[in-house]
């Protein structure tokens, strides 16, 4: 959970603006997945840990790549694209950061484009 939340944080901060809609998107996911009490505990722990160390997308993705199937990593990337799009648009820094994360997760460029396209509003 902390690794997932760390990647969420990296995407939210990618464009230099912390959007409330992006934070709400993440919170809704965590509450829906883990329940309100556990989600709050995860956020508290993350806030404590995050103050003490630098978050490395490469280290987190290496850890996840070694322990998860490709399909899970693809689903994670799709979720991260959802965060970036939660404020209504993708910024260039967000897309750049998502491509970087995708590379660390060993998800190919074609899949990255597919995730981005599936998140675009008609």
N, C-alpha and C. Protein backbone atom coordinates (compact mmCIF):
# COMPACT_ATOMS: atom_id res chain seq x y z
N UNK A 1 0.81 -1.20 0.00
CA UNK A 1 0.00 0.00 0.00
C UNK A 1 0.86 1.27 0.00
N UNK A 2 1.94 1.25 0.78
CA UNK A 2 2.79 2.44 0.83
C UNK A 2 3.51 2.68 -0.49
N UNK A 3 3.90 1.60 -1.16
CA UNK A 3 4.54 1.76 -2.47
C UNK A 3 3.56 2.35 -3.47
N UNK A 4 2.34 1.86 -3.45
CA UNK A 4 1.31 2.38 -4.35
C UNK A 4 1.05 3.86 -4.05
N UNK A 5 0.91 4.18 -2.79
CA UNK A 5 0.67 5.57 -2.41
C UNK A 5 1.85 6.46 -2.77
N UNK A 6 3.05 5.93 -2.69
CA UNK A 6 4.24 6.69 -3.07
C UNK A 6 4.21 7.02 -4.56
N UNK A 7 3.85 6.05 -5.40
CA UNK A 7 3.75 6.32 -6.83
C UNK A 7 2.64 7.33 -7.12
N UNK A 8 1.54 7.23 -6.38
CA UNK A 8 0.46 8.21 -6.53
C UNK A 8 0.98 9.61 -6.23
N UNK A 9 1.74 9.73 -5.18
CA UNK A 9 2.30 11.02 -4.77
C UNK A 9 3.22 11.59 -5.85
N UNK A 10 4.02 10.74 -6.44
CA UNK A 10 4.93 11.17 -7.51
C UNK A 10 4.16 11.72 -8.70
N UNK A 11 3.08 11.04 -9.07
CA UNK A 11 2.27 11.49 -10.21
C UNK A 11 1.55 12.80 -9.87
N UNK A 12 1.00 12.88 -8.66
CA UNK A 12 0.29 14.10 -8.26
C UNK A 12 1.21 15.30 -8.28
N UNK A 13 2.45 15.13 -7.86
CA UNK A 13 3.40 16.25 -7.78
C UNK A 13 4.14 16.51 -9.10
N UNK A 14 3.93 15.67 -10.11
CA UNK A 14 4.72 15.74 -11.35
C UNK A 14 4.65 17.10 -12.04
N UNK A 15 3.48 17.73 -12.02
CA UNK A 15 3.35 19.01 -12.74
C UNK A 15 3.58 20.22 -11.83
N UNK A 16 4.02 19.95 -10.61
CA UNK A 16 4.32 21.05 -9.69
C UNK A 16 3.10 21.60 -8.98
N UNK A 17 1.93 21.03 -9.26
CA UNK A 17 0.69 21.47 -8.62
C UNK A 17 0.02 20.26 -7.97
N UNK A 18 -0.40 20.43 -6.74
CA UNK A 18 -1.11 19.36 -6.05
C UNK A 18 -2.60 19.67 -6.18
N UNK A 19 -3.26 18.92 -7.05
CA UNK A 19 -4.67 19.15 -7.35
C UNK A 19 -5.55 18.40 -6.35
N UNK A 20 -6.57 19.10 -5.84
CA UNK A 20 -7.49 18.47 -4.91
C UNK A 20 -8.23 17.31 -5.58
N UNK A 21 -8.58 17.46 -6.85
CA UNK A 21 -9.29 16.39 -7.55
C UNK A 21 -8.42 15.14 -7.69
N UNK A 22 -7.12 15.33 -7.89
CA UNK A 22 -6.21 14.19 -7.96
C UNK A 22 -6.09 13.51 -6.59
N UNK A 23 -6.00 14.31 -5.54
CA UNK A 23 -5.91 13.73 -4.20
C UNK A 23 -7.21 13.01 -3.84
N UNK A 24 -8.35 13.58 -4.22
CA UNK A 24 -9.64 12.94 -3.96
C UNK A 24 -9.75 11.61 -4.70
N UNK A 25 -9.25 11.57 -5.92
CA UNK A 25 -9.27 10.34 -6.72
C UNK A 25 -8.52 9.22 -5.99
N UNK A 26 -7.35 9.56 -5.47
CA UNK A 26 -6.54 8.57 -4.74
C UNK A 26 -7.25 8.16 -3.46
N UNK A 27 -7.76 9.13 -2.72
CA UNK A 27 -8.44 8.82 -1.46
C UNK A 27 -9.64 7.90 -1.71
N UNK A 28 -10.43 8.20 -2.73
CA UNK A 28 -11.60 7.37 -3.04
C UNK A 28 -11.18 5.93 -3.35
N UNK A 29 -10.10 5.79 -4.10
CA UNK A 29 -9.61 4.46 -4.42
C UNK A 29 -9.22 3.70 -3.14
N UNK A 30 -8.44 4.35 -2.29
CA UNK A 30 -7.97 3.68 -1.08
C UNK A 30 -9.11 3.37 -0.12
N UNK A 31 -10.06 4.27 0.03
CA UNK A 31 -11.21 4.00 0.90
C UNK A 31 -12.06 2.87 0.31
N UNK A 32 -12.27 2.90 -1.00
CA UNK A 32 -13.04 1.84 -1.66
C UNK A 32 -12.37 0.48 -1.58
N UNK A 33 -11.06 0.46 -1.63
CA UNK A 33 -10.30 -0.79 -1.63
C UNK A 33 -10.06 -1.33 -0.22
N UNK A 34 -9.71 -0.44 0.70
CA UNK A 34 -9.26 -0.88 2.03
C UNK A 34 -10.23 -0.52 3.15
N UNK A 35 -11.23 0.30 2.88
CA UNK A 35 -12.11 0.78 3.93
C UNK A 35 -11.54 2.06 4.53
N UNK A 36 -12.42 2.85 5.12
CA UNK A 36 -12.01 4.18 5.61
C UNK A 36 -10.95 4.10 6.70
N UNK A 37 -11.13 3.21 7.65
CA UNK A 37 -10.19 3.13 8.77
C UNK A 37 -8.78 2.74 8.32
N UNK A 38 -8.70 1.68 7.51
CA UNK A 38 -7.38 1.25 7.04
C UNK A 38 -6.76 2.29 6.10
N UNK A 39 -7.58 2.90 5.25
CA UNK A 39 -7.08 3.93 4.34
C UNK A 39 -6.48 5.09 5.14
N UNK A 40 -7.16 5.51 6.20
CA UNK A 40 -6.64 6.59 7.03
C UNK A 40 -5.31 6.20 7.68
N UNK A 41 -5.22 4.95 8.13
CA UNK A 41 -3.97 4.46 8.73
C UNK A 41 -2.84 4.46 7.70
N UNK A 42 -3.14 4.05 6.47
CA UNK A 42 -2.14 4.04 5.39
C UNK A 42 -1.65 5.46 5.12
N UNK A 43 -2.59 6.41 5.04
CA UNK A 43 -2.21 7.80 4.78
C UNK A 43 -1.36 8.37 5.91
N UNK A 44 -1.71 8.05 7.15
CA UNK A 44 -0.92 8.54 8.30
C UNK A 44 0.50 7.99 8.23
N UNK A 45 0.62 6.69 8.00
CA UNK A 45 1.94 6.06 7.91
C UNK A 45 2.74 6.66 6.76
N UNK A 46 2.09 6.84 5.62
CA UNK A 46 2.76 7.43 4.46
C UNK A 46 3.29 8.81 4.79
N UNK A 47 2.47 9.63 5.43
CA UNK A 47 2.89 10.99 5.77
C UNK A 47 4.10 10.99 6.69
N UNK A 48 4.15 10.07 7.63
CA UNK A 48 5.29 9.97 8.54
C UNK A 48 6.55 9.53 7.79
N UNK A 49 6.41 8.49 6.98
CA UNK A 49 7.55 7.93 6.25
C UNK A 49 8.03 8.91 5.18
N UNK A 50 7.11 9.55 4.49
CA UNK A 50 7.42 10.44 3.38
C UNK A 50 8.26 11.64 3.84
N UNK A 51 8.07 12.09 5.06
CA UNK A 51 8.83 13.22 5.58
C UNK A 51 10.29 12.86 5.81
N UNK A 52 10.56 11.57 6.03
CA UNK A 52 11.89 11.13 6.43
C UNK A 52 12.77 10.68 5.27
N UNK A 53 12.19 10.45 4.09
CA UNK A 53 13.02 9.92 3.00
C UNK A 53 12.52 10.42 1.64
N UNK A 54 13.42 10.36 0.69
CA UNK A 54 13.11 10.69 -0.70
C UNK A 54 12.42 9.48 -1.33
N UNK A 55 11.39 9.74 -2.11
CA UNK A 55 10.68 8.66 -2.79
C UNK A 55 11.34 8.41 -4.14
N UNK A 56 11.71 7.17 -4.41
CA UNK A 56 12.33 6.81 -5.67
C UNK A 56 11.38 5.94 -6.49
N UNK A 57 10.87 6.50 -7.59
CA UNK A 57 9.99 5.74 -8.47
C UNK A 57 10.71 4.49 -8.99
N UNK A 58 11.98 4.63 -9.30
CA UNK A 58 12.74 3.51 -9.85
C UNK A 58 12.82 2.36 -8.83
N UNK A 59 13.12 2.68 -7.58
CA UNK A 59 13.22 1.63 -6.56
C UNK A 59 11.87 0.95 -6.32
N UNK A 60 10.82 1.75 -6.25
CA UNK A 60 9.49 1.19 -6.02
C UNK A 60 9.10 0.29 -7.19
N UNK A 61 9.31 0.76 -8.41
CA UNK A 61 8.93 -0.01 -9.59
C UNK A 61 9.76 -1.29 -9.72
N UNK A 62 11.03 -1.22 -9.37
CA UNK A 62 11.87 -2.42 -9.40
C UNK A 62 11.31 -3.45 -8.42
N UNK A 63 10.97 -3.00 -7.22
CA UNK A 63 10.36 -3.86 -6.21
C UNK A 63 9.07 -4.50 -6.75
N UNK A 64 8.20 -3.67 -7.35
CA UNK A 64 6.92 -4.16 -7.86
C UNK A 64 7.11 -5.10 -9.05
N UNK A 65 8.05 -4.77 -9.92
CA UNK A 65 8.30 -5.61 -11.10
C UNK A 65 8.75 -7.01 -10.71
N UNK A 66 9.52 -7.09 -9.65
CA UNK A 66 10.00 -8.40 -9.18
C UNK A 66 8.90 -9.22 -8.52
N UNK A 67 7.84 -8.57 -8.07
CA UNK A 67 6.84 -9.26 -7.26
C UNK A 67 5.44 -9.32 -7.87
N UNK A 68 5.24 -8.72 -9.03
CA UNK A 68 3.90 -8.71 -9.63
C UNK A 68 3.95 -9.16 -11.09
N UNK A 69 2.81 -9.64 -11.55
CA UNK A 69 2.67 -10.02 -12.95
C UNK A 69 2.50 -8.76 -13.81
N UNK A 70 2.78 -8.93 -15.08
CA UNK A 70 2.68 -7.83 -16.03
C UNK A 70 1.29 -7.19 -16.00
N UNK A 71 0.25 -8.01 -15.94
CA UNK A 71 -1.13 -7.51 -15.95
C UNK A 71 -1.40 -6.59 -14.76
N UNK A 72 -0.84 -6.92 -13.62
CA UNK A 72 -1.01 -6.10 -12.42
C UNK A 72 -0.31 -4.75 -12.61
N UNK A 73 0.88 -4.79 -13.19
CA UNK A 73 1.62 -3.54 -13.43
C UNK A 73 0.89 -2.67 -14.46
N UNK A 74 0.29 -3.31 -15.44
CA UNK A 74 -0.48 -2.57 -16.44
C UNK A 74 -1.71 -1.91 -15.79
N UNK A 75 -2.36 -2.63 -14.91
CA UNK A 75 -3.51 -2.07 -14.19
C UNK A 75 -3.06 -0.90 -13.30
N UNK A 76 -1.93 -1.03 -12.67
CA UNK A 76 -1.37 0.04 -11.85
C UNK A 76 -1.11 1.29 -12.69
N UNK A 77 -0.52 1.10 -13.86
CA UNK A 77 -0.23 2.22 -14.74
C UNK A 77 -1.54 2.90 -15.17
N UNK A 78 -2.55 2.12 -15.47
CA UNK A 78 -3.84 2.67 -15.85
C UNK A 78 -4.42 3.52 -14.71
N UNK A 79 -4.28 3.04 -13.48
CA UNK A 79 -4.73 3.79 -12.31
C UNK A 79 -3.95 5.11 -12.19
N UNK A 80 -2.64 5.06 -12.39
CA UNK A 80 -1.83 6.27 -12.31
C UNK A 80 -2.22 7.29 -13.38
N UNK A 81 -2.57 6.81 -14.56
CA UNK A 81 -3.07 7.71 -15.60
C UNK A 81 -4.38 8.34 -15.16
N UNK A 82 -5.20 7.58 -14.45
CA UNK A 82 -6.46 8.12 -13.93
C UNK A 82 -6.23 9.26 -12.96
N UNK A 83 -5.19 9.14 -12.14
CA UNK A 83 -4.85 10.22 -11.22
C UNK A 83 -4.48 11.48 -11.99
N UNK A 84 -3.60 11.32 -12.97
CA UNK A 84 -3.13 12.47 -13.75
C UNK A 84 -4.29 13.15 -14.47
N UNK A 85 -5.28 12.40 -14.86
CA UNK A 85 -6.41 12.93 -15.62
C UNK A 85 -7.54 13.42 -14.71
N UNK A 86 -7.46 13.17 -13.42
CA UNK A 86 -8.54 13.51 -12.50
C UNK A 86 -8.88 15.00 -12.47
N UNK A 87 -7.91 15.84 -12.80
CA UNK A 87 -8.17 17.28 -12.82
C UNK A 87 -8.64 17.75 -14.20
N UNK A 88 -8.91 16.81 -15.10
CA UNK A 88 -9.48 17.15 -16.41
C UNK A 88 -8.52 17.14 -17.57
N UNK A 89 -7.21 17.05 -17.29
CA UNK A 89 -6.25 17.03 -18.39
C UNK A 89 -4.92 16.43 -17.94
N UNK A 90 -4.14 16.04 -18.94
CA UNK A 90 -2.78 15.56 -18.69
C UNK A 90 -1.83 16.72 -18.99
N UNK A 91 -0.91 16.99 -18.09
CA UNK A 91 0.13 17.98 -18.39
C UNK A 91 1.32 17.24 -18.97
N UNK A 92 2.18 17.97 -19.68
CA UNK A 92 3.38 17.35 -20.24
C UNK A 92 4.26 16.72 -19.16
N UNK A 93 4.47 17.41 -18.02
CA UNK A 93 5.29 16.77 -16.96
C UNK A 93 4.66 15.48 -16.41
N UNK A 94 3.33 15.45 -16.34
CA UNK A 94 2.66 14.22 -15.86
C UNK A 94 2.87 13.08 -16.85
N UNK A 95 2.68 13.36 -18.12
CA UNK A 95 2.87 12.32 -19.15
C UNK A 95 4.31 11.84 -19.14
N UNK A 96 5.24 12.76 -19.02
CA UNK A 96 6.66 12.40 -18.97
C UNK A 96 6.95 11.49 -17.77
N UNK A 97 6.41 11.85 -16.61
CA UNK A 97 6.63 11.05 -15.40
C UNK A 97 5.96 9.67 -15.55
N UNK A 98 4.78 9.62 -16.15
CA UNK A 98 4.10 8.34 -16.35
C UNK A 98 4.87 7.44 -17.31
N UNK A 99 5.45 8.04 -18.35
CA UNK A 99 6.29 7.25 -19.27
C UNK A 99 7.51 6.69 -18.55
N UNK A 100 8.10 7.52 -17.70
CA UNK A 100 9.25 7.08 -16.91
C UNK A 100 8.87 5.91 -16.00
N UNK A 101 7.75 6.05 -15.30
CA UNK A 101 7.27 4.98 -14.41
C UNK A 101 6.97 3.73 -15.22
N UNK A 102 6.35 3.89 -16.38
CA UNK A 102 6.04 2.74 -17.24
C UNK A 102 7.31 2.00 -17.62
N UNK A 103 8.35 2.74 -17.95
CA UNK A 103 9.64 2.12 -18.28
C UNK A 103 10.18 1.31 -17.11
N UNK A 104 10.11 1.88 -15.92
CA UNK A 104 10.57 1.17 -14.72
C UNK A 104 9.74 -0.08 -14.46
N UNK A 105 8.43 -0.01 -14.82
CA UNK A 105 7.54 -1.16 -14.62
C UNK A 105 7.63 -2.18 -15.76
N UNK A 106 8.47 -1.85 -16.74
CA UNK A 106 8.65 -2.71 -17.92
C UNK A 106 7.35 -2.86 -18.73
N UNK A 107 6.65 -1.73 -18.86
CA UNK A 107 5.44 -1.66 -19.68
C UNK A 107 5.83 -0.89 -20.94
N UNK A 108 5.60 -1.48 -22.09
CA UNK A 108 6.02 -0.90 -23.36
C UNK A 108 5.27 0.36 -23.76
N UNK A 109 5.86 1.15 -24.66
CA UNK A 109 5.28 2.42 -25.11
C UNK A 109 3.88 2.28 -25.71
N UNK A 110 3.63 1.18 -26.40
CA UNK A 110 2.31 0.98 -27.01
C UNK A 110 1.24 0.89 -25.93
N UNK A 111 1.55 0.20 -24.85
CA UNK A 111 0.61 0.07 -23.73
C UNK A 111 0.42 1.40 -23.01
N UNK A 112 1.49 2.19 -22.93
CA UNK A 112 1.40 3.51 -22.30
C UNK A 112 0.44 4.38 -23.10
N UNK A 113 0.60 4.36 -24.42
CA UNK A 113 -0.27 5.15 -25.28
C UNK A 113 -1.71 4.68 -25.16
N UNK A 114 -1.91 3.39 -25.07
CA UNK A 114 -3.25 2.82 -24.92
C UNK A 114 -3.89 3.28 -23.60
N UNK A 115 -3.11 3.28 -22.52
CA UNK A 115 -3.62 3.74 -21.22
C UNK A 115 -3.99 5.21 -21.28
N UNK A 116 -3.15 6.00 -21.92
CA UNK A 116 -3.43 7.44 -22.05
C UNK A 116 -4.69 7.67 -22.88
N UNK A 117 -4.80 6.97 -24.01
CA UNK A 117 -5.95 7.14 -24.89
C UNK A 117 -7.24 6.72 -24.22
N UNK A 118 -7.20 5.67 -23.40
CA UNK A 118 -8.42 5.19 -22.75
C UNK A 118 -8.88 6.16 -21.66
N UNK A 119 -7.99 7.04 -21.22
CA UNK A 119 -8.33 8.02 -20.19
C UNK A 119 -8.74 9.37 -20.75
N UNK A 120 -8.57 9.55 -22.06
CA UNK A 120 -8.94 10.83 -22.68
C UNK A 120 -10.45 10.93 -22.72
N UNK A 121 -10.95 12.14 -22.46
CA UNK A 121 -12.40 12.36 -22.53
C UNK A 121 -12.80 12.57 -23.98
N UNK A 122 -13.95 12.02 -24.37
CA UNK A 122 -14.39 12.17 -25.77
C UNK A 122 -14.74 13.62 -26.11
